[in-house]
Amino acid sequence: MLIGVDASRALSAAPTGTEFYSRRLIEALLALEDPGSFRLYLRHVPEPGTFPGADCRVIPFPRLWTHLRLSWEMARRPPDVLFVPAHVLPPVRPRASVVTVHDLGYLHFPGTHPPLQRLYLDISTRWNAAAADRIVADSQATKDDLASRYRVPPVKVAVAYPGRDETLAPVRGSEEIAAAKARYGIDGEYFLFLGTLQPRKNLARLVRAYAALETDRVLVLAGKRGWLYGEILSQVQREGLDARVLLPGYVADEDKAALLSGATAFVFPSLYEGFGLPVVEAQSCGCPVVTSATSSLAEVAGDGALIVDPEDEAAISAAMRRLASEPELRRSLAERGLTNSRRFSWTTCARTVLGVIREVVV
């Protein structure tokens, strides 16, 4: 059986969630015992040894790569099955196909997405849901959304939790934490958010919740600038928090564990997430977590977080205040979160996904 994989989103210098998912899952699939034969379709030549054991088919194309170039490849040399982990199925595809749907947040909170992006996400997800033989969902919340919003039969959807980054672990050395803090201009104790700075992450409410605290701790909003970033910056300025809210930009992978380990708490009150990988990353580093009761976040965080209504600024503020003032609570959440994070394994995810792929090839 030849398994084709759209690996076009797997190589990025600054990967976001779906790009990270694509690369880690492909690596885990290739590392399984007797995984079968894989052909990866890429837009650019990977570094030597990036995907050992796979046939890497580089098919560059300037625009509409999926719809035109990948479709052409499927028409000329189709694999037995095509798996798309982080994008949309091409119009022309082999006789069997599997696709991952990460979330339907654009339906729950449409105002947090640009209108054209929202339209594209709706059309492409409807297409994926209808065209794929099977769907992989990141969480039970996403599976439930597919059933309720797009009437996808539950039997068609398999839940496969993404894995954690197993290189992330608590950093105990104060010098390493201090060096990472210095690189991002952080002085003293701090609350940390880490993710793309965009409306869906609910950062305007987080800033207002932080403004209500009486604390010497700064708030660090780390991550690359996303859609409507300027509105978040304006919110900081309106609250008079320019000196207390830091926006250091994208955090390099090698600094992530130290910054998470040194934080008072990781505060992630996102309005909607298909999985919420940043929560697992924080827990993997022994960082206490505050996150949302919505979508998959409580499902993923387990008992290793304070769960709040993301639209309730007072609740977010109260949770931050508790973690700033209760060291025993911080210690307890850190321990429980670390244990919870070990539920998530890329090997387990890959085994589930490979099982689904094999089921559709009859």
Protein backbone atom coordinates (compact mmCIF):
# COMPACT_ATOMS: atom_id res chain seq x y z
CA MET A 1 0.00 0.00 0.00
CA LEU A 2 1.37 3.38 -1.03
CA ILE A 3 0.28 6.18 1.32
CA GLY A 4 0.49 9.68 -0.11
CA VAL A 5 0.75 12.59 2.33
CA ASP A 6 0.35 16.29 1.64
CA ALA A 7 3.47 17.48 3.46
CA SER A 8 3.35 21.03 2.08
CA ARG A 9 2.67 22.51 5.54
CA ALA A 10 5.26 20.42 7.36
CA LEU A 11 8.30 22.61 6.71
CA SER A 12 8.28 26.11 8.17
CA ALA A 13 10.93 28.22 9.88
CA ALA A 14 8.33 29.55 12.34
CA PRO A 15 5.61 26.88 12.50
CA THR A 16 2.14 27.57 13.82
CA GLY A 17 -0.10 24.89 15.31
CA THR A 18 -1.23 23.04 12.18
CA GLU A 19 2.26 23.19 10.66
CA PHE A 20 3.79 21.77 13.84
CA TYR A 21 1.09 19.06 13.84
CA SER A 22 1.81 18.13 10.24
CA ARG A 23 5.54 17.73 10.72
CA ARG A 24 5.41 15.89 14.04
CA LEU A 25 2.70 13.50 12.86
CA ILE A 26 4.55 12.68 9.63
CA GLU A 27 7.74 12.02 11.61
CA ALA A 28 5.82 9.76 14.00
CA LEU A 29 4.16 7.85 11.16
CA LEU A 30 7.53 7.16 9.53
CA ALA A 31 8.98 6.01 12.88
CA LEU A 32 6.33 3.33 13.47
CA GLU A 33 7.21 -0.32 13.07
CA ASP A 34 6.13 -1.51 9.61
CA PRO A 35 4.30 1.71 8.69
CA GLY A 36 4.09 0.89 4.98
CA SER A 37 5.33 2.94 2.03
CA PHE A 38 4.97 6.72 2.18
CA ARG A 39 5.21 9.28 -0.58
CA LEU A 40 5.35 12.87 0.67
CA TYR A 41 4.30 15.75 -1.58
CA LEU A 42 6.21 18.96 -0.89
CA ARG A 43 6.50 22.39 -2.44
CA HIS A 44 10.18 22.80 -1.52
CA VAL A 45 13.19 20.53 -1.22
CA PRO A 46 13.60 19.40 2.42
CA GLU A 47 16.91 19.27 4.23
CA PRO A 48 18.68 15.92 3.74
CA GLY A 49 17.45 13.32 6.21
CA THR A 50 14.34 15.28 7.17
CA PHE A 51 11.90 12.45 6.46
CA PRO A 52 13.90 9.19 6.49
CA GLY A 53 12.31 6.26 4.72
CA ALA A 54 9.84 8.30 2.68
CA ASP A 55 9.74 9.00 -1.04
CA CYS A 56 9.79 12.81 -1.11
CA ARG A 57 8.14 14.12 -4.26
CA VAL A 58 8.90 17.85 -4.69
CA ILE A 59 6.33 19.48 -6.97
CA PRO A 60 6.83 23.27 -6.96
CA PHE A 61 4.10 25.54 -8.27
CA PRO A 62 3.61 29.30 -7.76
CA ARG A 63 -0.11 29.49 -6.86
CA LEU A 64 -3.06 27.19 -6.14
CA TRP A 65 -0.63 24.38 -5.39
CA THR A 66 -3.25 22.07 -3.87
CA HIS A 67 -6.02 22.70 -6.36
CA LEU A 68 -3.90 22.52 -9.52
CA ARG A 69 -0.47 20.98 -8.98
CA LEU A 70 -1.36 18.36 -6.37
CA SER A 71 -4.51 17.48 -8.32
CA TRP A 72 -2.40 16.98 -11.45
CA GLU A 73 -0.06 14.70 -9.50
CA MET A 74 -3.04 12.70 -8.20
CA ALA A 75 -4.39 12.29 -11.73
CA ARG A 76 -1.04 11.14 -13.17
CA ARG A 77 0.47 9.05 -10.36
CA PRO A 78 -2.11 8.44 -7.63
CA PRO A 79 -1.15 6.65 -4.41
CA ASP A 80 -3.51 4.09 -2.92
CA VAL A 81 -4.67 6.63 -0.35
CA LEU A 82 -4.01 10.32 0.27
CA PHE A 83 -3.74 11.76 3.79
CA VAL A 84 -3.98 15.54 4.26
CA PRO A 85 -2.99 16.51 7.82
CA ALA A 86 -3.15 20.30 7.70
CA HIS A 87 -5.02 21.61 4.69
CA VAL A 88 -7.73 20.75 2.18
CA LEU A 89 -8.19 17.76 -0.09
CA PRO A 90 -7.40 18.48 -3.75
CA PRO A 91 -10.32 18.35 -6.21
CA VAL A 92 -8.68 15.38 -7.95
CA ARG A 93 -7.74 12.68 -5.50
CA PRO A 94 -7.16 8.92 -5.38
CA ARG A 95 -9.90 6.43 -4.65
CA ALA A 96 -9.34 6.69 -0.89
CA SER A 97 -8.61 9.75 1.24
CA VAL A 98 -8.28 10.79 4.89
CA VAL A 99 -8.09 14.34 6.21
CA THR A 100 -7.54 15.96 9.60
CA VAL A 101 -10.02 18.65 10.66
CA HIS A 102 -8.51 20.69 13.47
CA ASP A 103 -11.36 22.95 14.58
CA LEU A 104 -14.51 24.81 13.62
CA GLY A 105 -13.86 27.91 15.68
CA TYR A 106 -14.78 30.18 12.79
CA LEU A 107 -18.40 29.08 13.25
CA HIS A 108 -18.48 29.68 17.00
CA PHE A 109 -16.69 33.04 16.93
CA PRO A 110 -16.95 34.37 13.37
CA GLY A 111 -15.80 37.86 14.34
CA THR A 112 -12.35 36.55 15.25
CA HIS A 113 -11.51 35.67 11.64
CA PRO A 114 -11.17 37.91 8.56
CA PRO A 115 -14.31 37.56 6.41
CA LEU A 116 -12.57 36.00 3.41
CA GLN A 117 -10.68 33.57 5.62
CA ARG A 118 -13.92 32.63 7.37
CA LEU A 119 -15.60 31.94 4.02
CA TYR A 120 -12.65 29.88 2.83
CA LEU A 121 -12.55 27.85 6.06
CA ASP A 122 -16.26 27.11 5.82
CA ILE A 123 -16.09 26.04 2.17
CA SER A 124 -12.91 24.00 2.57
CA THR A 125 -14.06 22.24 5.74
CA ARG A 126 -17.44 21.39 4.19
CA TRP A 127 -15.54 19.97 1.21
CA ASN A 128 -13.22 17.95 3.43
CA ALA A 129 -16.13 16.61 5.48
CA ALA A 130 -18.03 15.51 2.39
CA ALA A 131 -15.17 14.29 0.17
CA ALA A 132 -12.94 12.37 2.60
CA ASP A 133 -13.60 8.72 3.30
CA ARG A 134 -12.61 9.22 6.94
CA ILE A 135 -11.83 12.25 9.11
CA VAL A 136 -9.34 12.58 11.94
CA ALA A 137 -10.34 15.11 14.62
CA ASP A 138 -7.96 16.59 17.18
CA SER A 139 -10.50 16.27 19.99
CA GLN A 140 -13.94 15.07 20.95
CA ALA A 141 -15.05 18.71 20.83
CA THR A 142 -14.14 18.93 17.14
CA LYS A 143 -15.83 15.59 16.43
CA ASP A 144 -19.00 16.85 18.11
CA ASP A 145 -18.85 20.07 16.08
CA LEU A 146 -18.55 18.15 12.81
CA ALA A 147 -21.66 16.16 13.73
CA SER A 148 -23.73 19.14 14.87
CA ARG A 149 -22.62 21.77 12.34
CA TYR A 150 -21.98 19.71 9.18
CA ARG A 151 -24.01 16.58 9.94
CA VAL A 152 -21.00 14.31 9.60
CA PRO A 153 -21.86 10.79 10.86
CA PRO A 154 -19.88 10.18 14.07
CA VAL A 155 -18.72 6.81 12.73
CA LYS A 156 -16.82 8.67 10.00
CA VAL A 157 -14.69 10.60 12.52
CA ALA A 158 -11.84 9.22 14.64
CA VAL A 159 -10.41 11.26 17.51
CA ALA A 160 -6.61 11.23 17.65
CA TYR A 161 -5.14 13.62 20.18
CA PRO A 162 -1.96 15.29 18.92
CA GLY A 163 1.18 14.51 20.89
CA ARG A 164 3.29 16.71 23.07
CA ASP A 165 6.77 17.94 22.25
CA GLU A 166 8.78 15.42 24.28
CA THR A 167 11.82 17.70 24.28
CA LEU A 168 9.90 20.09 26.53
CA ALA A 169 10.48 19.51 30.23
CA PRO A 170 10.72 21.62 33.38
CA VAL A 171 13.87 23.77 33.46
CA ARG A 172 15.28 23.77 36.98
CA GLY A 173 18.35 25.92 36.40
CA SER A 174 17.78 29.52 37.43
CA GLU A 175 20.62 30.72 35.20
CA GLU A 176 19.03 29.21 32.09
CA ILE A 177 15.68 30.81 32.92
CA ALA A 178 17.33 34.17 33.64
CA ALA A 179 19.18 34.05 30.31
CA ALA A 180 15.98 33.34 28.37
CA LYS A 181 14.14 36.13 30.21
CA ALA A 182 16.93 38.56 29.38
CA ARG A 183 16.74 37.69 25.68
CA TYR A 184 13.07 38.74 25.64
CA GLY A 185 13.37 41.76 27.93
CA ILE A 186 11.55 40.20 30.90
CA ASP A 187 12.50 41.44 34.34
CA GLY A 188 11.08 39.93 37.53
CA GLU A 189 8.08 37.61 37.88
CA TYR A 190 5.57 37.31 35.06
CA PHE A 191 2.39 35.79 33.66
CA LEU A 192 2.88 34.30 30.19
CA PHE A 193 0.74 33.91 27.10
CA LEU A 194 2.37 32.15 24.15
CA GLY A 195 0.65 31.89 20.77
CA THR A 196 -0.32 33.89 17.71
CA LEU A 197 -1.56 37.35 18.69
CA GLN A 198 -5.02 37.43 17.14
CA PRO A 199 -8.64 38.00 18.26
CA ARG A 200 -9.48 34.30 18.74
CA LYS A 201 -6.95 34.15 21.57
CA ASN A 202 -9.09 36.61 23.59
CA LEU A 203 -6.16 38.85 24.43
CA ALA A 204 -8.13 42.07 24.81
CA ARG A 205 -10.05 40.50 27.71
CA LEU A 206 -6.82 39.11 29.12
CA VAL A 207 -5.29 42.59 29.12
CA ARG A 208 -8.35 44.02 30.90
CA ALA A 209 -8.31 41.16 33.42
CA TYR A 210 -4.64 41.84 34.10
CA ALA A 211 -5.32 45.57 34.49
CA ALA A 212 -7.64 44.75 37.40
CA LEU A 213 -4.85 42.98 39.31
CA GLU A 214 -2.74 44.64 41.93
CA THR A 215 0.52 42.89 41.18
CA ASP A 216 4.16 43.58 40.48
CA ARG A 217 4.22 40.77 37.93
CA VAL A 218 4.31 41.76 34.27
CA LEU A 219 2.17 40.19 31.57
CA VAL A 220 4.11 38.75 28.63
CA LEU A 221 2.15 38.28 25.40
CA ALA A 222 4.65 36.31 23.31
CA GLY A 223 4.12 35.12 19.77
CA LYS A 224 4.04 36.32 16.22
CA ARG A 225 1.69 39.09 15.21
CA GLY A 226 -1.56 37.91 13.68
CA TRP A 227 -4.72 39.47 12.28
CA LEU A 228 -5.82 42.66 14.10
CA TYR A 229 -2.67 42.72 16.21
CA GLY A 230 -2.96 46.52 16.29
CA GLU A 231 -6.18 46.30 18.30
CA ILE A 232 -4.38 44.33 21.02
CA LEU A 233 -1.63 46.93 21.15
CA SER A 234 -4.25 49.70 21.35
CA GLN A 235 -5.93 47.90 24.26
CA VAL A 236 -2.62 47.84 26.14
CA GLN A 237 -2.19 51.56 25.54
CA ARG A 238 -5.77 52.41 26.57
CA GLU A 239 -5.22 50.63 29.88
CA GLY A 240 -1.97 52.54 30.42
CA LEU A 241 -0.01 49.30 30.58
CA ASP A 242 2.79 50.00 28.11
CA ALA A 243 5.45 49.39 30.78
CA ARG A 244 3.77 46.30 32.30
CA VAL A 245 2.61 44.34 29.24
CA LEU A 246 5.48 43.04 27.13
CA LEU A 247 5.14 41.94 23.50
CA PRO A 248 8.49 40.33 22.67
CA GLY A 249 7.44 38.61 19.45
CA TYR A 250 8.02 35.04 18.30
CA VAL A 251 9.71 32.75 20.82
CA ALA A 252 12.39 30.42 19.49
CA ASP A 253 11.91 26.73 20.25
CA GLU A 254 15.08 26.60 22.32
CA ASP A 255 13.73 29.29 24.69
CA LYS A 256 10.20 27.97 25.12
CA ALA A 257 10.83 25.55 28.00
CA ALA A 258 12.78 28.10 30.03
CA LEU A 259 10.16 30.84 29.63
CA LEU A 260 7.33 28.46 30.54
CA SER A 261 9.23 27.05 33.50
CA GLY A 262 9.94 30.51 34.87
CA ALA A 263 6.40 31.88 34.62
CA THR A 264 4.04 32.29 37.56
CA ALA A 265 1.33 30.89 35.29
CA PHE A 266 0.55 30.27 31.66
CA VAL A 267 -2.68 32.15 30.90
CA PHE A 268 -4.49 30.91 27.80
CA PRO A 269 -8.13 32.13 27.79
CA SER A 270 -8.66 31.38 24.10
CA LEU A 271 -12.23 31.56 22.83
CA TYR A 272 -11.89 28.36 20.82
CA GLU A 273 -9.27 25.70 20.12
CA GLY A 274 -9.48 22.40 18.29
CA PHE A 275 -6.88 20.99 20.66
CA GLY A 276 -4.93 23.67 22.51
CA LEU A 277 -1.36 22.47 22.14
CA PRO A 278 0.07 25.45 24.09
CA VAL A 279 -1.72 24.18 27.22
CA VAL A 280 0.02 20.81 26.93
CA GLU A 281 3.36 22.52 26.28
CA ALA A 282 2.98 24.59 29.44
CA GLN A 283 2.02 21.56 31.50
CA SER A 284 5.00 19.64 30.10
CA CYS A 285 7.24 22.33 31.59
CA GLY A 286 5.58 22.23 35.00
CA CYS A 287 3.90 25.61 34.52
CA PRO A 288 0.52 26.20 36.24
CA VAL A 289 -2.20 26.89 33.67
CA VAL A 290 -5.29 29.08 33.45
CA THR A 291 -7.43 28.21 30.45
CA SER A 292 -10.96 28.25 29.07
CA ALA A 293 -14.01 26.10 29.70
CA THR A 294 -14.89 26.26 25.99
CA SER A 295 -14.20 23.93 23.07
CA SER A 296 -11.48 21.32 23.68
CA LEU A 297 -9.48 23.22 26.29
CA ALA A 298 -10.98 21.74 29.46
CA GLU A 299 -10.95 18.32 27.77
CA VAL A 300 -7.23 18.65 27.10
CA ALA A 301 -6.17 20.40 30.33
CA GLY A 302 -7.74 17.77 32.58
CA ASP A 303 -7.31 18.49 36.29
CA GLY A 304 -4.03 20.33 35.73
CA ALA A 305 -5.46 23.82 35.22
CA LEU A 306 -7.80 26.46 36.58
CA ILE A 307 -10.74 26.50 34.18
CA VAL A 308 -12.53 29.82 33.56
CA ASP A 309 -15.24 31.31 31.39
CA PRO A 310 -13.14 33.11 28.74
CA GLU A 311 -15.76 35.85 28.38
CA ASP A 312 -15.70 36.63 32.11
CA GLU A 313 -12.86 39.08 32.77
CA ALA A 314 -13.41 38.93 36.52
CA ALA A 315 -13.00 35.14 36.48
CA ILE A 316 -9.75 35.39 34.50
CA SER A 317 -8.47 38.05 36.88
CA ALA A 318 -9.44 36.00 39.95
CA ALA A 319 -7.62 32.93 38.66
CA MET A 320 -4.46 34.96 38.01
CA ARG A 321 -4.72 36.51 41.47
CA ARG A 322 -4.98 33.09 43.10
CA LEU A 323 -1.90 31.79 41.31
CA ALA A 324 0.07 34.91 42.21
CA SER A 325 -0.78 34.56 45.90
CA GLU A 326 -1.06 30.79 46.53
CA PRO A 327 2.26 28.96 46.07
CA GLU A 328 0.74 25.65 47.16
CA LEU A 329 -1.87 25.91 44.41
CA ARG A 330 0.87 26.63 41.89
CA ARG A 331 2.81 23.57 43.04
CA SER A 332 -0.29 21.33 42.91
CA LEU A 333 -1.32 22.47 39.44
CA ALA A 334 2.23 22.09 38.17
CA GLU A 335 2.38 18.48 39.36
CA ARG A 336 -1.06 17.57 38.06
CA GLY A 337 -0.42 19.32 34.76
CA LEU A 338 2.85 17.48 34.25
CA THR A 339 1.09 14.16 34.82
CA ASN A 340 -1.77 15.15 32.49
CA SER A 341 0.61 16.14 29.67
CA ARG A 342 1.94 12.59 29.51
CA ARG A 343 -1.41 11.43 28.09
CA PHE A 344 -0.43 12.93 24.75
CA SER A 345 1.99 11.05 22.51
CA TRP A 346 2.78 11.45 18.83
CA THR A 347 3.37 7.70 18.62
CA THR A 348 -0.15 7.02 19.91
CA CYS A 349 -1.56 9.63 17.54
CA ALA A 350 0.32 8.12 14.58
CA ARG A 351 -0.90 4.60 15.38
CA THR A 352 -4.51 5.79 15.43
CA VAL A 353 -4.11 7.73 12.19
CA LEU A 354 -2.36 4.84 10.42
CA GLY A 355 -5.16 2.53 11.54
CA VAL A 356 -7.73 4.89 9.99
CA ILE A 357 -5.71 5.13 6.76
CA ARG A 358 -5.52 1.36 6.45
CA GLU A 359 -9.25 0.98 7.06
CA VAL A 360 -10.16 3.04 3.98
CA VAL A 361 -8.02 0.98 1.60
CA VAL A 362 -10.04 -2.09 0.79
